Structure formats: C-alpha cells, structure tokens
Amino acid sequence: MLRVFINESDNKYRLLDESLLLSKLGIAFAKDNDSALPEKLRATLYDMKNDGTLAQIAVKYGLDPNTALGGITLE
C-alpha cells in the first residue's frame, strides 16, 4: 500500500535504501503460564523461518526478507 502511494506521488516521495530504525521485539509470558508455551512458540517461529513462511509474510507487506529478517534470532 505504501509503495502504491509512493509510485503515484509523481516522485515527491521515495523509500530509503537503508532503515532508519531497527526494532527488536520480545514476547512476555505470565509467570504462571504453561512453561512449555515459550518453547512451542520458539519452535513454530523457527519452522516458519526455515520453511520460508516468514519471508513470504515480509514480501506480502512489501519488505525485503533479507533486510527484514536478516537479524532475526530465536533465542
């Protein structure tokens, strides 16, 4: 959607080649939560990264998977 806006703006706007912001996200779990849940999530994200699902999601939203996922760690 952003790319469409930029493309229709008669070159008034452009996307930068480099990111101005790198966000690292984490997930919090309640202390009394199922202790297996964090490992299940980690395994699911690991599988999604390895089978290309995360890259497909990045492309769907107009992102370069190498840039968007290049620094992803599943610790």
N, C-alpha and C. Protein backbone atom coordinates (compact mmCIF):
# COMPACT_ATOMS: atom_id res chain seq x y z
N MET A 1 0.82 -1.18 0.00
CA MET A 1 0.00 0.00 0.00
C MET A 1 0.87 1.25 0.00
N LEU A 2 1.92 1.25 0.79
CA LEU A 2 2.82 2.39 0.82
C LEU A 2 3.51 2.57 -0.52
N ARG A 3 3.92 1.47 -1.14
CA ARG A 3 4.59 1.56 -2.44
C ARG A 3 3.65 2.16 -3.50
N VAL A 4 2.38 1.82 -3.44
CA VAL A 4 1.40 2.38 -4.38
C VAL A 4 1.33 3.89 -4.19
N PHE A 5 1.23 4.34 -2.94
CA PHE A 5 1.18 5.76 -2.65
C PHE A 5 2.42 6.46 -3.20
N ILE A 6 3.58 5.89 -2.96
CA ILE A 6 4.83 6.49 -3.42
C ILE A 6 4.88 6.53 -4.94
N ASN A 7 4.49 5.43 -5.57
CA ASN A 7 4.52 5.37 -7.04
C ASN A 7 3.57 6.38 -7.68
N GLU A 8 2.49 6.70 -7.00
CA GLU A 8 1.50 7.63 -7.55
C GLU A 8 1.76 9.07 -7.14
N SER A 9 2.87 9.35 -6.50
CA SER A 9 3.13 10.69 -5.95
C SER A 9 4.00 11.57 -6.84
N ASP A 10 4.18 11.19 -8.10
CA ASP A 10 4.99 12.00 -9.04
C ASP A 10 6.38 12.29 -8.48
N ASN A 11 7.01 11.27 -7.89
CA ASN A 11 8.38 11.36 -7.37
C ASN A 11 8.55 12.37 -6.24
N LYS A 12 7.48 12.67 -5.52
CA LYS A 12 7.59 13.55 -4.36
C LYS A 12 8.15 12.80 -3.16
N TYR A 13 7.98 11.48 -3.15
CA TYR A 13 8.42 10.66 -2.04
C TYR A 13 9.22 9.49 -2.58
N ARG A 14 10.05 8.91 -1.71
CA ARG A 14 10.80 7.71 -2.08
C ARG A 14 11.09 6.91 -0.83
N LEU A 15 11.32 5.62 -1.02
CA LEU A 15 11.74 4.77 0.09
C LEU A 15 13.25 4.83 0.20
N LEU A 16 13.73 4.91 1.40
CA LEU A 16 15.17 4.91 1.61
C LEU A 16 15.72 3.50 1.43
N ASP A 17 16.96 3.42 0.98
CA ASP A 17 17.59 2.12 0.80
C ASP A 17 17.93 1.46 2.14
N GLU A 18 18.20 2.27 3.15
CA GLU A 18 18.56 1.72 4.45
C GLU A 18 17.48 2.09 5.47
N SER A 19 17.36 1.28 6.47
CA SER A 19 16.37 1.52 7.51
C SER A 19 16.88 2.58 8.48
N LEU A 20 15.98 3.44 8.89
CA LEU A 20 16.34 4.42 9.91
C LEU A 20 16.09 3.88 11.31
N LEU A 21 15.39 2.77 11.37
CA LEU A 21 15.02 2.22 12.66
C LEU A 21 15.09 0.70 12.60
N LEU A 22 15.75 0.15 13.55
CA LEU A 22 15.80 -1.31 13.69
C LEU A 22 15.12 -1.64 15.00
N SER A 23 14.06 -2.38 14.92
CA SER A 23 13.30 -2.74 16.13
C SER A 23 13.55 -4.19 16.48
N LYS A 24 13.81 -4.42 17.72
CA LYS A 24 13.92 -5.78 18.22
C LYS A 24 12.74 -5.98 19.15
N LEU A 25 12.02 -7.05 18.91
CA LEU A 25 10.82 -7.33 19.69
C LEU A 25 11.02 -8.54 20.56
N GLY A 26 10.31 -8.56 21.63
CA GLY A 26 10.32 -9.70 22.52
C GLY A 26 8.88 -10.05 22.88
N ILE A 27 8.72 -11.17 23.50
CA ILE A 27 7.39 -11.62 23.91
C ILE A 27 7.45 -11.94 25.39
N ALA A 28 6.48 -11.42 26.13
CA ALA A 28 6.42 -11.68 27.57
C ALA A 28 5.35 -12.72 27.85
N PHE A 29 5.61 -13.55 28.82
CA PHE A 29 4.66 -14.57 29.25
C PHE A 29 4.40 -14.39 30.73
N ALA A 30 3.18 -14.67 31.14
CA ALA A 30 2.85 -14.61 32.56
C ALA A 30 3.65 -15.67 33.32
N LYS A 31 4.05 -15.34 34.52
CA LYS A 31 4.84 -16.28 35.32
C LYS A 31 4.12 -17.61 35.54
N ASP A 32 2.81 -17.53 35.69
CA ASP A 32 2.06 -18.76 35.96
C ASP A 32 1.57 -19.45 34.69
N ASN A 33 2.10 -19.03 33.54
CA ASN A 33 1.70 -19.61 32.25
C ASN A 33 2.35 -20.98 32.07
N ASP A 34 1.81 -21.73 31.15
CA ASP A 34 2.36 -23.05 30.80
C ASP A 34 3.82 -22.88 30.40
N SER A 35 4.72 -23.53 31.10
CA SER A 35 6.15 -23.35 30.83
C SER A 35 6.56 -23.89 29.47
N ALA A 36 5.73 -24.71 28.84
CA ALA A 36 6.05 -25.24 27.51
C ALA A 36 5.69 -24.24 26.40
N LEU A 37 4.86 -23.25 26.71
CA LEU A 37 4.42 -22.32 25.69
C LEU A 37 5.56 -21.55 25.01
N PRO A 38 6.51 -20.99 25.76
CA PRO A 38 7.60 -20.28 25.09
C PRO A 38 8.38 -21.18 24.12
N GLU A 39 8.62 -22.42 24.51
CA GLU A 39 9.34 -23.34 23.62
C GLU A 39 8.51 -23.68 22.39
N LYS A 40 7.21 -23.84 22.56
CA LYS A 40 6.33 -24.11 21.41
C LYS A 40 6.36 -22.95 20.43
N LEU A 41 6.31 -21.72 20.95
CA LEU A 41 6.37 -20.54 20.08
C LEU A 41 7.71 -20.46 19.37
N ARG A 42 8.80 -20.67 20.11
CA ARG A 42 10.14 -20.63 19.52
C ARG A 42 10.26 -21.66 18.39
N ALA A 43 9.76 -22.87 18.62
CA ALA A 43 9.82 -23.93 17.61
C ALA A 43 9.00 -23.56 16.38
N THR A 44 7.83 -22.98 16.60
CA THR A 44 6.98 -22.57 15.48
C THR A 44 7.65 -21.48 14.66
N LEU A 45 8.21 -20.48 15.32
CA LEU A 45 8.91 -19.40 14.59
C LEU A 45 10.12 -19.95 13.85
N TYR A 46 10.84 -20.86 14.46
CA TYR A 46 12.00 -21.49 13.82
C TYR A 46 11.56 -22.21 12.55
N ASP A 47 10.48 -22.99 12.65
CA ASP A 47 9.96 -23.70 11.48
C ASP A 47 9.51 -22.73 10.39
N MET A 48 8.84 -21.64 10.81
CA MET A 48 8.37 -20.64 9.83
C MET A 48 9.54 -19.96 9.12
N LYS A 49 10.62 -19.73 9.85
CA LYS A 49 11.80 -19.13 9.22
C LYS A 49 12.42 -20.12 8.23
N ASN A 50 12.56 -21.36 8.65
CA ASN A 50 13.22 -22.37 7.81
C ASN A 50 12.41 -22.77 6.59
N ASP A 51 11.07 -22.76 6.70
CA ASP A 51 10.27 -23.17 5.54
C ASP A 51 9.89 -22.00 4.63
N GLY A 52 10.35 -20.80 4.99
CA GLY A 52 10.12 -19.64 4.12
C GLY A 52 8.85 -18.86 4.42
N THR A 53 8.08 -19.27 5.40
CA THR A 53 6.83 -18.58 5.72
C THR A 53 7.08 -17.15 6.16
N LEU A 54 8.08 -16.92 7.02
CA LEU A 54 8.37 -15.56 7.46
C LEU A 54 8.78 -14.68 6.29
N ALA A 55 9.55 -15.22 5.36
CA ALA A 55 9.95 -14.45 4.17
C ALA A 55 8.73 -14.11 3.32
N GLN A 56 7.81 -15.06 3.18
CA GLN A 56 6.60 -14.81 2.39
C GLN A 56 5.76 -13.70 3.02
N ILE A 57 5.68 -13.69 4.32
CA ILE A 57 4.93 -12.63 5.02
C ILE A 57 5.59 -11.28 4.79
N ALA A 58 6.92 -11.24 4.87
CA ALA A 58 7.63 -9.99 4.63
C ALA A 58 7.36 -9.47 3.23
N VAL A 59 7.44 -10.34 2.23
CA VAL A 59 7.19 -9.95 0.84
C VAL A 59 5.76 -9.46 0.67
N LYS A 60 4.81 -10.14 1.30
CA LYS A 60 3.40 -9.76 1.21
C LYS A 60 3.20 -8.31 1.63
N TYR A 61 3.98 -7.85 2.60
CA TYR A 61 3.84 -6.49 3.11
C TYR A 61 4.89 -5.54 2.53
N GLY A 62 5.48 -5.93 1.40
CA GLY A 62 6.38 -5.04 0.67
C GLY A 62 7.75 -4.89 1.27
N LEU A 63 8.19 -5.84 2.06
CA LEU A 63 9.50 -5.77 2.69
C LEU A 63 10.48 -6.71 2.02
N ASP A 64 11.73 -6.37 2.05
CA ASP A 64 12.79 -7.24 1.57
C ASP A 64 13.08 -8.24 2.69
N PRO A 65 12.85 -9.54 2.44
CA PRO A 65 13.05 -10.52 3.52
C PRO A 65 14.46 -10.53 4.07
N ASN A 66 15.46 -10.28 3.24
CA ASN A 66 16.84 -10.29 3.74
C ASN A 66 17.08 -9.15 4.72
N THR A 67 16.48 -8.01 4.46
CA THR A 67 16.62 -6.88 5.37
C THR A 67 15.72 -7.05 6.58
N ALA A 68 14.47 -7.43 6.34
CA ALA A 68 13.50 -7.53 7.43
C ALA A 68 13.84 -8.66 8.39
N LEU A 69 14.36 -9.76 7.87
CA LEU A 69 14.62 -10.93 8.70
C LEU A 69 16.09 -11.22 8.90
N GLY A 70 16.95 -10.41 8.36
CA GLY A 70 18.38 -10.67 8.39
C GLY A 70 18.94 -10.83 9.79
N GLY A 71 18.42 -10.08 10.73
CA GLY A 71 18.95 -10.13 12.08
C GLY A 71 18.11 -10.93 13.05
N ILE A 72 17.17 -11.70 12.53
CA ILE A 72 16.27 -12.43 13.43
C ILE A 72 17.03 -13.52 14.17
N THR A 73 16.81 -13.57 15.46
CA THR A 73 17.37 -14.63 16.29
C THR A 73 16.24 -15.25 17.09
N LEU A 74 16.32 -16.52 17.26
CA LEU A 74 15.30 -17.23 18.02
C LEU A 74 15.94 -17.81 19.26
N GLU A 75 16.14 -16.97 20.24
CA GLU A 75 16.80 -17.38 21.48
C GLU A 75 15.80 -17.66 22.56
